[in-house]
Amino acid sequence: MSVTNLKYSHHGYWQDLPQGRVYWQPNFLASSLAVQCYRQLDSELNWQQQKIRMFGREILQPRLQAWCGEAEYTYSGLTMQPDPWTPTLQAIRQQLSALLGQNFNSVLANQYRNGDDYMGWHQDNEPELGEEPVIASISLGATRRFVLRHRQSKEKKEYLLTNGSLLVMAGELQSFWQHTVPKTKRPTEPRINLTFRQITR
């Protein structure tokens, strides 16, 4: 099946959290199609290891990144200029828009090369994402843990992001919850994560 003609599963569900919502669908893309998407994006995208500013100093991010779409994006002192949409990204974006009724004009791609690559605790709450952003996360490749933590109550929710899975963060989630993809000491194959978003300004 062509990636540009991909079919997806409808068998997901919304979960209401205290001050936030999550849509979870572990089988959004069939495994074979997710593997095909991974291979194409691995070669299509302009992967770079970017520097960000944390605690007053510049550090290399522990993963590779690419930014595609129609708007620039700034976080942690890093401003990313967008590369054009690729056919694979366009096809996935169209299916997400049809499923969620949501427009996405940009996507941040992260490549985790092994278990040492990770994403620290953070919120996607930059002003250009709007007050209640809808962020759709597609996982391709190796399974990794994804943990949400409420900033006040410290309640946690954990998901195993499997090959082809979809997790959507919505509502007030970015104001009240942090999230992370922690390191793992287990032998781990590479993983690509796509987070589709709408830049509002």
N, C-alpha and C. Protein backbone atom coordinates (compact mmCIF):
# COMPACT_ATOMS: atom_id res chain seq x y z
N MET A 1 0.85 -1.20 0.00
CA MET A 1 0.00 0.00 0.00
C MET A 1 0.88 1.24 0.00
N SER A 2 0.54 2.18 -0.86
CA SER A 2 1.30 3.42 -0.93
C SER A 2 1.09 4.25 0.32
N VAL A 3 2.16 4.85 0.82
CA VAL A 3 2.04 5.72 1.99
C VAL A 3 1.13 6.90 1.69
N THR A 4 1.18 7.40 0.46
CA THR A 4 0.34 8.55 0.12
C THR A 4 -1.14 8.19 0.01
N ASN A 5 -1.44 6.90 0.06
CA ASN A 5 -2.82 6.43 0.03
C ASN A 5 -3.17 5.67 1.29
N LEU A 6 -2.53 6.00 2.40
CA LEU A 6 -2.64 5.16 3.59
C LEU A 6 -4.04 5.14 4.18
N LYS A 7 -4.36 4.01 4.80
CA LYS A 7 -5.63 3.83 5.50
C LYS A 7 -5.31 3.69 6.99
N TYR A 8 -6.19 4.21 7.81
CA TYR A 8 -5.94 4.16 9.24
C TYR A 8 -7.13 3.55 9.96
N SER A 9 -6.90 3.14 11.20
CA SER A 9 -7.94 2.54 12.02
C SER A 9 -8.67 3.63 12.82
N HIS A 10 -9.97 3.40 13.05
CA HIS A 10 -10.79 4.36 13.82
C HIS A 10 -10.91 3.96 15.29
N HIS A 11 -10.25 2.89 15.72
CA HIS A 11 -10.54 2.32 17.03
C HIS A 11 -9.72 2.98 18.14
N GLY A 12 -9.97 4.25 18.36
CA GLY A 12 -9.35 4.97 19.46
C GLY A 12 -10.42 5.56 20.36
N TYR A 13 -10.00 6.22 21.44
CA TYR A 13 -10.97 6.77 22.38
C TYR A 13 -10.34 7.95 23.13
N TRP A 14 -11.21 8.87 23.52
CA TRP A 14 -10.80 10.02 24.32
C TRP A 14 -10.83 9.66 25.80
N GLN A 15 -9.85 10.14 26.55
CA GLN A 15 -9.79 9.98 28.00
C GLN A 15 -9.79 11.37 28.62
N ASP A 16 -10.71 11.59 29.56
CA ASP A 16 -10.75 12.86 30.28
C ASP A 16 -9.86 12.75 31.52
N LEU A 17 -8.89 13.66 31.62
CA LEU A 17 -8.02 13.73 32.78
C LEU A 17 -8.38 14.98 33.58
N PRO A 18 -7.95 15.07 34.83
CA PRO A 18 -8.12 16.34 35.54
C PRO A 18 -7.40 17.46 34.78
N GLN A 19 -8.15 18.39 34.24
CA GLN A 19 -7.58 19.53 33.52
C GLN A 19 -6.82 19.11 32.25
N GLY A 20 -7.47 18.29 31.44
CA GLY A 20 -6.86 17.90 30.17
C GLY A 20 -7.56 16.71 29.54
N ARG A 21 -7.26 16.48 28.27
CA ARG A 21 -7.83 15.35 27.54
C ARG A 21 -6.74 14.67 26.72
N VAL A 22 -6.88 13.35 26.57
CA VAL A 22 -5.95 12.57 25.76
C VAL A 22 -6.76 11.63 24.87
N TYR A 23 -6.37 11.56 23.60
CA TYR A 23 -6.93 10.56 22.68
C TYR A 23 -5.86 9.51 22.47
N TRP A 24 -6.24 8.23 22.65
CA TRP A 24 -5.25 7.15 22.59
C TRP A 24 -5.71 6.08 21.61
N GLN A 25 -4.83 5.73 20.69
CA GLN A 25 -5.13 4.71 19.69
C GLN A 25 -3.84 3.96 19.35
N PRO A 26 -3.64 2.79 19.96
CA PRO A 26 -2.37 2.08 19.77
C PRO A 26 -2.14 1.54 18.37
N ASN A 27 -3.19 1.41 17.55
CA ASN A 27 -3.04 0.81 16.22
C ASN A 27 -3.53 1.75 15.12
N PHE A 28 -3.20 3.01 15.21
CA PHE A 28 -3.64 3.99 14.21
C PHE A 28 -3.15 3.59 12.81
N LEU A 29 -1.88 3.22 12.70
CA LEU A 29 -1.32 2.71 11.45
C LEU A 29 -0.98 1.24 11.62
N ALA A 30 -1.29 0.43 10.61
CA ALA A 30 -0.89 -0.98 10.63
C ALA A 30 0.63 -1.06 10.74
N SER A 31 1.12 -2.12 11.38
CA SER A 31 2.55 -2.24 11.66
C SER A 31 3.39 -2.16 10.39
N SER A 32 2.98 -2.84 9.33
CA SER A 32 3.77 -2.84 8.10
C SER A 32 3.82 -1.45 7.47
N LEU A 33 2.72 -0.73 7.55
CA LEU A 33 2.67 0.63 7.00
C LEU A 33 3.51 1.58 7.84
N ALA A 34 3.48 1.41 9.17
CA ALA A 34 4.30 2.24 10.05
C ALA A 34 5.79 2.02 9.76
N VAL A 35 6.18 0.77 9.49
CA VAL A 35 7.58 0.49 9.15
C VAL A 35 7.95 1.19 7.85
N GLN A 36 7.04 1.17 6.87
CA GLN A 36 7.28 1.85 5.60
C GLN A 36 7.42 3.36 5.80
N CYS A 37 6.54 3.94 6.62
CA CYS A 37 6.63 5.37 6.93
C CYS A 37 7.96 5.71 7.58
N TYR A 38 8.38 4.86 8.53
CA TYR A 38 9.66 5.10 9.22
C TYR A 38 10.80 5.17 8.21
N ARG A 39 10.86 4.18 7.32
CA ARG A 39 11.97 4.12 6.36
C ARG A 39 11.98 5.34 5.45
N GLN A 40 10.81 5.76 5.01
CA GLN A 40 10.76 6.91 4.11
C GLN A 40 11.16 8.19 4.83
N LEU A 41 10.65 8.38 6.06
CA LEU A 41 10.99 9.60 6.79
C LEU A 41 12.45 9.63 7.22
N ASP A 42 13.01 8.46 7.50
CA ASP A 42 14.42 8.38 7.88
C ASP A 42 15.30 8.95 6.77
N SER A 43 14.91 8.73 5.51
CA SER A 43 15.70 9.23 4.39
C SER A 43 15.23 10.58 3.86
N GLU A 44 13.94 10.91 4.05
CA GLU A 44 13.39 12.15 3.49
C GLU A 44 13.75 13.40 4.29
N LEU A 45 13.81 13.26 5.61
CA LEU A 45 13.89 14.45 6.46
C LEU A 45 15.33 14.90 6.69
N ASN A 46 15.48 16.18 6.95
CA ASN A 46 16.78 16.80 7.19
C ASN A 46 17.09 16.73 8.69
N TRP A 47 17.55 15.57 9.15
CA TRP A 47 17.76 15.34 10.58
C TRP A 47 18.97 16.12 11.08
N GLN A 48 18.81 16.80 12.23
CA GLN A 48 19.90 17.56 12.83
C GLN A 48 19.85 17.40 14.35
N GLN A 49 21.02 17.49 14.96
CA GLN A 49 21.08 17.54 16.42
C GLN A 49 21.26 18.99 16.82
N GLN A 50 20.19 19.59 17.32
CA GLN A 50 20.15 21.02 17.59
C GLN A 50 20.62 21.34 19.01
N LYS A 51 21.13 22.56 19.18
CA LYS A 51 21.47 23.06 20.51
C LYS A 51 20.29 23.85 21.08
N ILE A 52 20.04 23.69 22.37
CA ILE A 52 19.05 24.51 23.07
C ILE A 52 19.70 25.11 24.31
N ARG A 53 19.05 26.14 24.85
CA ARG A 53 19.57 26.80 26.05
C ARG A 53 18.79 26.33 27.27
N MET A 54 19.50 25.74 28.24
CA MET A 54 18.88 25.29 29.47
C MET A 54 19.74 25.71 30.65
N PHE A 55 19.09 26.30 31.64
CA PHE A 55 19.78 26.72 32.85
C PHE A 55 21.00 27.61 32.52
N GLY A 56 20.81 28.48 31.52
CA GLY A 56 21.83 29.46 31.20
C GLY A 56 22.97 28.96 30.34
N ARG A 57 22.89 27.73 29.84
CA ARG A 57 23.98 27.25 28.98
C ARG A 57 23.41 26.46 27.81
N GLU A 58 24.21 26.38 26.74
CA GLU A 58 23.77 25.66 25.56
C GLU A 58 24.18 24.20 25.65
N ILE A 59 23.25 23.31 25.31
CA ILE A 59 23.54 21.88 25.29
C ILE A 59 22.97 21.28 24.01
N LEU A 60 23.57 20.17 23.56
CA LEU A 60 23.02 19.44 22.44
C LEU A 60 21.84 18.61 22.90
N GLN A 61 20.75 18.65 22.16
CA GLN A 61 19.59 17.85 22.52
C GLN A 61 19.92 16.36 22.34
N PRO A 62 19.42 15.52 23.24
CA PRO A 62 19.72 14.08 23.18
C PRO A 62 18.79 13.34 22.21
N ARG A 63 18.73 13.81 20.97
CA ARG A 63 17.94 13.19 19.91
C ARG A 63 18.17 14.02 18.64
N LEU A 64 17.73 13.50 17.51
CA LEU A 64 17.77 14.25 16.26
C LEU A 64 16.40 14.84 15.98
N GLN A 65 16.37 15.95 15.24
CA GLN A 65 15.11 16.63 14.98
C GLN A 65 15.02 17.12 13.55
N ALA A 66 13.77 17.28 13.09
CA ALA A 66 13.47 17.97 11.84
C ALA A 66 12.15 18.71 12.04
N TRP A 67 12.03 19.88 11.43
CA TRP A 67 10.83 20.72 11.56
C TRP A 67 10.31 21.00 10.15
N CYS A 68 9.05 20.65 9.90
CA CYS A 68 8.46 20.81 8.57
C CYS A 68 7.12 21.52 8.67
N GLY A 69 6.74 22.21 7.58
CA GLY A 69 5.43 22.84 7.58
C GLY A 69 5.46 24.24 7.02
N GLU A 70 4.66 25.11 7.66
CA GLU A 70 4.41 26.43 7.10
C GLU A 70 4.74 27.58 8.05
N ALA A 71 5.37 27.29 9.18
CA ALA A 71 5.65 28.35 10.16
C ALA A 71 6.92 28.02 10.93
N GLU A 72 7.63 29.05 11.40
CA GLU A 72 8.78 28.82 12.26
C GLU A 72 8.31 28.53 13.68
N TYR A 73 9.20 27.96 14.48
CA TYR A 73 8.84 27.54 15.84
C TYR A 73 10.01 27.82 16.76
N THR A 74 9.73 28.44 17.91
CA THR A 74 10.78 28.79 18.86
C THR A 74 10.51 28.16 20.22
N TYR A 75 11.52 27.48 20.77
CA TYR A 75 11.43 26.98 22.15
C TYR A 75 12.85 26.84 22.69
N SER A 76 12.99 27.06 23.99
CA SER A 76 14.28 26.94 24.69
C SER A 76 15.42 27.65 23.96
N GLY A 77 15.11 28.83 23.42
CA GLY A 77 16.14 29.62 22.76
C GLY A 77 16.48 29.18 21.35
N LEU A 78 15.78 28.18 20.83
CA LEU A 78 16.03 27.66 19.49
C LEU A 78 14.87 28.04 18.57
N THR A 79 15.17 28.69 17.45
CA THR A 79 14.16 29.00 16.43
C THR A 79 14.40 28.10 15.23
N MET A 80 13.37 27.32 14.88
CA MET A 80 13.49 26.37 13.78
C MET A 80 12.73 26.89 12.56
N GLN A 81 13.43 26.96 11.42
CA GLN A 81 12.80 27.34 10.16
C GLN A 81 12.28 26.07 9.48
N PRO A 82 11.08 26.11 8.91
CA PRO A 82 10.48 24.88 8.42
C PRO A 82 11.04 24.42 7.07
N ASP A 83 11.24 23.11 6.95
CA ASP A 83 11.45 22.48 5.66
C ASP A 83 10.07 22.19 5.05
N PRO A 84 9.99 21.97 3.73
CA PRO A 84 8.69 21.69 3.11
C PRO A 84 8.11 20.36 3.58
N TRP A 85 6.79 20.26 3.48
CA TRP A 85 6.12 18.99 3.73
C TRP A 85 6.65 17.94 2.74
N THR A 86 6.84 16.72 3.22
CA THR A 86 7.15 15.60 2.32
C THR A 86 5.84 14.86 2.01
N PRO A 87 5.79 14.05 0.96
CA PRO A 87 4.57 13.29 0.67
C PRO A 87 4.11 12.42 1.83
N THR A 88 5.05 11.81 2.54
CA THR A 88 4.69 10.95 3.68
C THR A 88 4.04 11.76 4.78
N LEU A 89 4.63 12.90 5.12
CA LEU A 89 4.07 13.76 6.16
C LEU A 89 2.70 14.30 5.75
N GLN A 90 2.56 14.67 4.49
CA GLN A 90 1.28 15.18 4.00
C GLN A 90 0.19 14.13 4.13
N ALA A 91 0.52 12.89 3.77
CA ALA A 91 -0.47 11.82 3.84
C ALA A 91 -0.93 11.58 5.27
N ILE A 92 0.00 11.56 6.21
CA ILE A 92 -0.36 11.36 7.62
C ILE A 92 -1.17 12.54 8.12
N ARG A 93 -0.75 13.76 7.76
CA ARG A 93 -1.47 14.97 8.20
C ARG A 93 -2.92 14.94 7.73
N GLN A 94 -3.16 14.55 6.50
CA GLN A 94 -4.52 14.50 5.97
C GLN A 94 -5.40 13.53 6.75
N GLN A 95 -4.84 12.38 7.11
CA GLN A 95 -5.62 11.39 7.86
C GLN A 95 -5.91 11.88 9.29
N LEU A 96 -4.94 12.54 9.89
CA LEU A 96 -5.15 13.09 11.23
C LEU A 96 -6.22 14.19 11.21
N SER A 97 -6.17 15.05 10.21
CA SER A 97 -7.16 16.12 10.11
C SER A 97 -8.56 15.54 9.93
N ALA A 98 -8.67 14.47 9.12
CA ALA A 98 -9.98 13.83 8.91
C ALA A 98 -10.49 13.20 10.19
N LEU A 99 -9.61 12.57 10.95
CA LEU A 99 -10.01 11.89 12.18
C LEU A 99 -10.40 12.88 13.28
N LEU A 100 -9.60 13.93 13.43
CA LEU A 100 -9.74 14.83 14.58
C LEU A 100 -10.49 16.12 14.26
N GLY A 101 -10.74 16.40 12.98
CA GLY A 101 -11.38 17.66 12.62
C GLY A 101 -10.52 18.85 12.99
N GLN A 102 -9.21 18.69 12.86
CA GLN A 102 -8.25 19.70 13.32
C GLN A 102 -7.24 19.98 12.22
N ASN A 103 -6.96 21.25 11.97
CA ASN A 103 -5.93 21.62 11.00
C ASN A 103 -4.56 21.61 11.68
N PHE A 104 -3.56 21.10 10.97
CA PHE A 104 -2.18 21.13 11.44
C PHE A 104 -1.33 21.77 10.36
N ASN A 105 -0.56 22.80 10.72
CA ASN A 105 0.27 23.46 9.71
C ASN A 105 1.76 23.20 9.91
N SER A 106 2.12 22.37 10.90
CA SER A 106 3.53 22.10 11.16
C SER A 106 3.67 20.75 11.86
N VAL A 107 4.87 20.20 11.77
CA VAL A 107 5.16 18.94 12.48
C VAL A 107 6.61 18.97 12.96
N LEU A 108 6.80 18.56 14.20
CA LEU A 108 8.14 18.37 14.76
C LEU A 108 8.42 16.88 14.77
N ALA A 109 9.48 16.49 14.08
CA ALA A 109 9.90 15.08 14.04
C ALA A 109 11.11 14.90 14.95
N ASN A 110 11.03 13.91 15.82
CA ASN A 110 12.15 13.56 16.70
C ASN A 110 12.59 12.14 16.38
N GLN A 111 13.89 11.93 16.27
CA GLN A 111 14.42 10.60 16.07
C GLN A 111 15.24 10.20 17.29
N TYR A 112 14.80 9.15 17.94
CA TYR A 112 15.49 8.59 19.11
C TYR A 112 16.35 7.43 18.61
N ARG A 113 17.66 7.62 18.60
CA ARG A 113 18.55 6.64 17.97
C ARG A 113 18.71 5.37 18.79
N ASN A 114 18.58 5.49 20.11
CA ASN A 114 18.72 4.35 21.03
C ASN A 114 18.12 4.75 22.38
N GLY A 115 18.28 3.91 23.39
CA GLY A 115 17.68 4.17 24.69
C GLY A 115 18.27 5.36 25.43
N ASP A 116 19.44 5.83 25.00
CA ASP A 116 20.04 7.01 25.64
C ASP A 116 19.42 8.31 25.14
N ASP A 117 18.79 8.28 23.99
CA ASP A 117 18.08 9.46 23.51
C ASP A 117 16.74 9.57 24.23
N TYR A 118 16.38 10.78 24.62
CA TYR A 118 15.18 10.94 25.44
C TYR A 118 14.62 12.35 25.29
N MET A 119 13.47 12.56 25.93
CA MET A 119 12.84 13.89 26.02
C MET A 119 12.57 14.15 27.50
N GLY A 120 13.14 15.22 28.04
CA GLY A 120 12.95 15.52 29.46
C GLY A 120 11.56 16.08 29.75
N TRP A 121 11.25 16.24 31.03
CA TRP A 121 9.96 16.79 31.44
C TRP A 121 9.77 18.19 30.86
N HIS A 122 8.63 18.43 30.24
CA HIS A 122 8.35 19.74 29.67
C HIS A 122 6.87 19.87 29.36
N GLN A 123 6.48 21.08 28.98
CA GLN A 123 5.13 21.37 28.48
C GLN A 123 5.27 22.03 27.12
N ASP A 124 4.36 21.71 26.21
CA ASP A 124 4.32 22.39 24.92
C ASP A 124 3.36 23.57 25.07
N ASN A 125 3.85 24.63 25.69
CA ASN A 125 2.98 25.77 26.03
C ASN A 125 3.51 27.09 25.49
N GLU A 126 4.26 27.02 24.37
CA GLU A 126 4.74 28.25 23.76
C GLU A 126 3.55 29.07 23.25
N PRO A 127 3.65 30.41 23.29
CA PRO A 127 2.51 31.26 22.91
C PRO A 127 1.97 30.98 21.52
N GLU A 128 2.85 30.65 20.57
CA GLU A 128 2.39 30.45 19.20
C GLU A 128 1.55 29.18 19.01
N LEU A 129 1.47 28.34 20.04
CA LEU A 129 0.62 27.14 19.97
C LEU A 129 -0.81 27.43 20.40
N GLY A 130 -1.07 28.61 20.98
CA GLY A 130 -2.42 28.94 21.43
C GLY A 130 -2.67 28.48 22.86
N GLU A 131 -3.86 28.81 23.38
CA GLU A 131 -4.16 28.55 24.79
C GLU A 131 -4.42 27.07 25.08
N GLU A 132 -5.10 26.38 24.20
CA GLU A 132 -5.41 24.95 24.41
C GLU A 132 -5.03 24.18 23.15
N PRO A 133 -3.73 24.00 22.91
CA PRO A 133 -3.30 23.36 21.66
C PRO A 133 -3.70 21.89 21.58
N VAL A 134 -3.97 21.46 20.37
CA VAL A 134 -4.17 20.04 20.07
C VAL A 134 -2.89 19.56 19.39
N ILE A 135 -2.21 18.61 20.03
CA ILE A 135 -0.95 18.10 19.52
C ILE A 135 -1.10 16.60 19.30
N ALA A 136 -0.93 16.17 18.05
CA ALA A 136 -1.13 14.76 17.68
C ALA A 136 0.22 14.10 17.48
N SER A 137 0.48 13.05 18.23
CA SER A 137 1.78 12.39 18.25
C SER A 137 1.68 10.99 17.64
N ILE A 138 2.41 10.77 16.54
CA ILE A 138 2.48 9.48 15.87
C ILE A 138 3.83 8.84 16.18
N SER A 139 3.84 7.57 16.57
CA SER A 139 5.08 6.86 16.88
C SER A 139 5.37 5.81 15.81
N LEU A 140 6.62 5.76 15.37
CA LEU A 140 7.07 4.81 14.37
C LEU A 140 8.36 4.15 14.86
N GLY A 141 8.42 2.83 14.79
CA GLY A 141 9.64 2.15 15.21
C GLY A 141 9.50 1.55 16.61
N ALA A 142 10.59 1.64 17.37
CA ALA A 142 10.65 0.99 18.68
C ALA A 142 9.63 1.56 19.66
N THR A 143 9.15 0.71 20.57
CA THR A 143 8.24 1.13 21.63
C THR A 143 9.01 1.90 22.71
N ARG A 144 8.47 3.04 23.12
CA ARG A 144 9.06 3.81 24.22
C ARG A 144 7.96 4.24 25.20
N ARG A 145 8.35 4.42 26.46
CA ARG A 145 7.43 4.90 27.49
C ARG A 145 7.18 6.39 27.31
N PHE A 146 5.94 6.79 27.57
CA PHE A 146 5.54 8.19 27.57
C PHE A 146 4.79 8.43 28.87
N VAL A 147 5.25 9.40 29.65
CA VAL A 147 4.68 9.63 30.98
C VAL A 147 4.16 11.07 31.08
N LEU A 148 2.92 11.20 31.56
CA LEU A 148 2.33 12.49 31.89
C LEU A 148 2.36 12.67 33.40
N ARG A 149 2.59 13.90 33.86
CA ARG A 149 2.61 14.19 35.30
C ARG A 149 1.93 15.52 35.56
N HIS A 150 0.90 15.49 36.42
CA HIS A 150 0.19 16.73 36.77
C HIS A 150 1.10 17.61 37.62
N ARG A 151 1.19 18.88 37.28
CA ARG A 151 2.14 19.76 37.94
C ARG A 151 1.83 19.97 39.42
N GLN A 152 0.56 19.91 39.82
CA GLN A 152 0.19 20.18 41.21
C GLN A 152 -0.01 18.89 42.00
N SER A 153 -0.85 18.00 41.50
CA SER A 153 -1.16 16.78 42.26
C SER A 153 -0.08 15.71 42.13
N LYS A 154 0.78 15.82 41.09
CA LYS A 154 1.83 14.84 40.77
C LYS A 154 1.26 13.50 40.30
N GLU A 155 -0.05 13.45 40.03
CA GLU A 155 -0.63 12.25 39.44
C GLU A 155 0.07 11.95 38.12
N LYS A 156 0.27 10.65 37.83
CA LYS A 156 0.95 10.26 36.60
C LYS A 156 0.06 9.34 35.76
N LYS A 157 0.20 9.47 34.45
CA LYS A 157 -0.42 8.56 33.48
C LYS A 157 0.68 8.11 32.53
N GLU A 158 0.71 6.79 32.25
CA GLU A 158 1.78 6.26 31.42
C GLU A 158 1.21 5.50 30.23
N TYR A 159 1.85 5.66 29.07
CA TYR A 159 1.45 4.98 27.85
C TYR A 159 2.69 4.34 27.22
N LEU A 160 2.52 3.18 26.62
CA LEU A 160 3.58 2.58 25.82
C LEU A 160 3.32 2.94 24.37
N LEU A 161 4.18 3.79 23.83
CA LEU A 161 4.00 4.27 22.47
C LEU A 161 4.57 3.24 21.51
N THR A 162 3.68 2.44 20.94
CA THR A 162 4.07 1.34 20.06
C THR A 162 4.14 1.81 18.61
N ASN A 163 4.69 0.96 17.76
CA ASN A 163 4.82 1.25 16.34
C ASN A 163 3.45 1.47 15.71
N GLY A 164 3.22 2.68 15.17
CA GLY A 164 1.94 2.99 14.54
C GLY A 164 0.90 3.59 15.46
N SER A 165 1.26 3.86 16.70
CA SER A 165 0.28 4.38 17.67
C SER A 165 0.09 5.88 17.51
N LEU A 166 -1.07 6.35 18.00
CA LEU A 166 -1.44 7.77 17.98
C LEU A 166 -1.84 8.19 19.38
N LEU A 167 -1.24 9.27 19.88
CA LEU A 167 -1.64 9.88 21.14
C LEU A 167 -1.84 11.37 20.90
N VAL A 168 -3.00 11.89 21.29
CA VAL A 168 -3.32 13.30 21.08
C VAL A 168 -3.49 13.98 22.43
N MET A 169 -2.80 15.08 22.64
CA MET A 169 -2.94 15.88 23.85
C MET A 169 -3.80 17.10 23.52
N ALA A 170 -4.82 17.37 24.36
CA ALA A 170 -5.76 18.43 24.04
C ALA A 170 -6.31 19.07 25.32
N GLY A 171 -7.23 20.03 25.14
CA GLY A 171 -7.82 20.72 26.28
C GLY A 171 -6.78 21.54 27.01
N GLU A 172 -6.87 21.54 28.33
CA GLU A 172 -5.94 22.32 29.17
C GLU A 172 -4.66 21.57 29.51
N LEU A 173 -4.43 20.45 28.85
CA LEU A 173 -3.34 19.56 29.25
C LEU A 173 -1.99 20.27 29.35
N GLN A 174 -1.65 21.10 28.36
CA GLN A 174 -0.32 21.73 28.35
C GLN A 174 -0.14 22.76 29.45
N SER A 175 -1.24 23.25 30.03
CA SER A 175 -1.14 24.20 31.13
C SER A 175 -0.92 23.51 32.47
N PHE A 176 -1.41 22.28 32.61
CA PHE A 176 -1.43 21.63 33.92
C PHE A 176 -0.62 20.34 34.01
N TRP A 177 -0.17 19.82 32.88
CA TRP A 177 0.57 18.56 32.87
C TRP A 177 1.91 18.74 32.16
N GLN A 178 2.91 18.00 32.62
CA GLN A 178 4.18 17.88 31.91
C GLN A 178 4.25 16.48 31.30
N HIS A 179 5.15 16.29 30.33
CA HIS A 179 5.32 14.95 29.77
C HIS A 179 6.78 14.69 29.45
N THR A 180 7.13 13.41 29.34
CA THR A 180 8.51 12.99 29.11
C THR A 180 8.54 11.67 28.36
N VAL A 181 9.62 11.47 27.60
CA VAL A 181 9.99 10.15 27.07
C VAL A 181 11.32 9.82 27.73
N PRO A 182 11.30 9.04 28.81
CA PRO A 182 12.54 8.84 29.59
C PRO A 182 13.53 7.90 28.90
N LYS A 183 14.77 7.97 29.38
CA LYS A 183 15.80 7.04 28.92
C LYS A 183 15.41 5.61 29.30
N THR A 184 16.01 4.64 28.60
CA THR A 184 15.84 3.25 28.98
C THR A 184 17.18 2.53 28.82
N LYS A 185 17.46 1.60 29.74
CA LYS A 185 18.69 0.82 29.66
C LYS A 185 18.51 -0.45 28.84
N ARG A 186 17.27 -0.74 28.46
CA ARG A 186 17.03 -1.90 27.63
C ARG A 186 17.55 -1.66 26.22
N PRO A 187 18.09 -2.70 25.56
CA PRO A 187 18.47 -2.54 24.15
C PRO A 187 17.26 -2.10 23.33
N THR A 188 17.38 -0.99 22.63
CA THR A 188 16.25 -0.37 21.96
C THR A 188 16.61 0.03 20.53
N GLU A 189 15.77 -0.34 19.61
CA GLU A 189 15.93 0.06 18.21
C GLU A 189 15.53 1.54 18.06
N PRO A 190 15.86 2.16 16.94
CA PRO A 190 15.50 3.56 16.74
C PRO A 190 13.99 3.78 16.65
N ARG A 191 13.59 5.00 16.92
CA ARG A 191 12.18 5.39 16.88
C ARG A 191 12.06 6.79 16.31
N ILE A 192 11.04 7.01 15.49
CA ILE A 192 10.70 8.35 15.01
C ILE A 192 9.35 8.73 15.60
N ASN A 193 9.27 9.94 16.14
CA ASN A 193 8.02 10.47 16.68
C ASN A 193 7.66 11.74 15.91
N LEU A 194 6.40 11.83 15.48
CA LEU A 194 5.91 13.00 14.76
C LEU A 194 4.87 13.70 15.61
N THR A 195 5.08 14.96 15.94
CA THR A 195 4.08 15.71 16.69
C THR A 195 3.53 16.83 15.81
N PHE A 196 2.32 16.62 15.35
CA PHE A 196 1.65 17.58 14.48
C PHE A 196 0.99 18.66 15.33
N ARG A 197 1.12 19.92 14.90
CA ARG A 197 0.60 21.04 15.68
C ARG A 197 0.16 22.18 14.77
N GLN A 198 -0.58 23.11 15.34
CA GLN A 198 -1.06 24.29 14.62
C GLN A 198 -0.36 25.52 15.23
N ILE A 199 0.51 26.15 14.46
CA ILE A 199 1.14 27.39 14.88
C ILE A 199 0.19 28.54 14.56
N THR A 200 -0.18 29.32 15.57
CA THR A 200 -1.24 30.31 15.39
C THR A 200 -0.72 31.69 15.04
N ARG A 201 0.58 31.93 15.21
CA ARG A 201 1.13 33.26 14.86
C ARG A 201 2.62 33.18 14.64
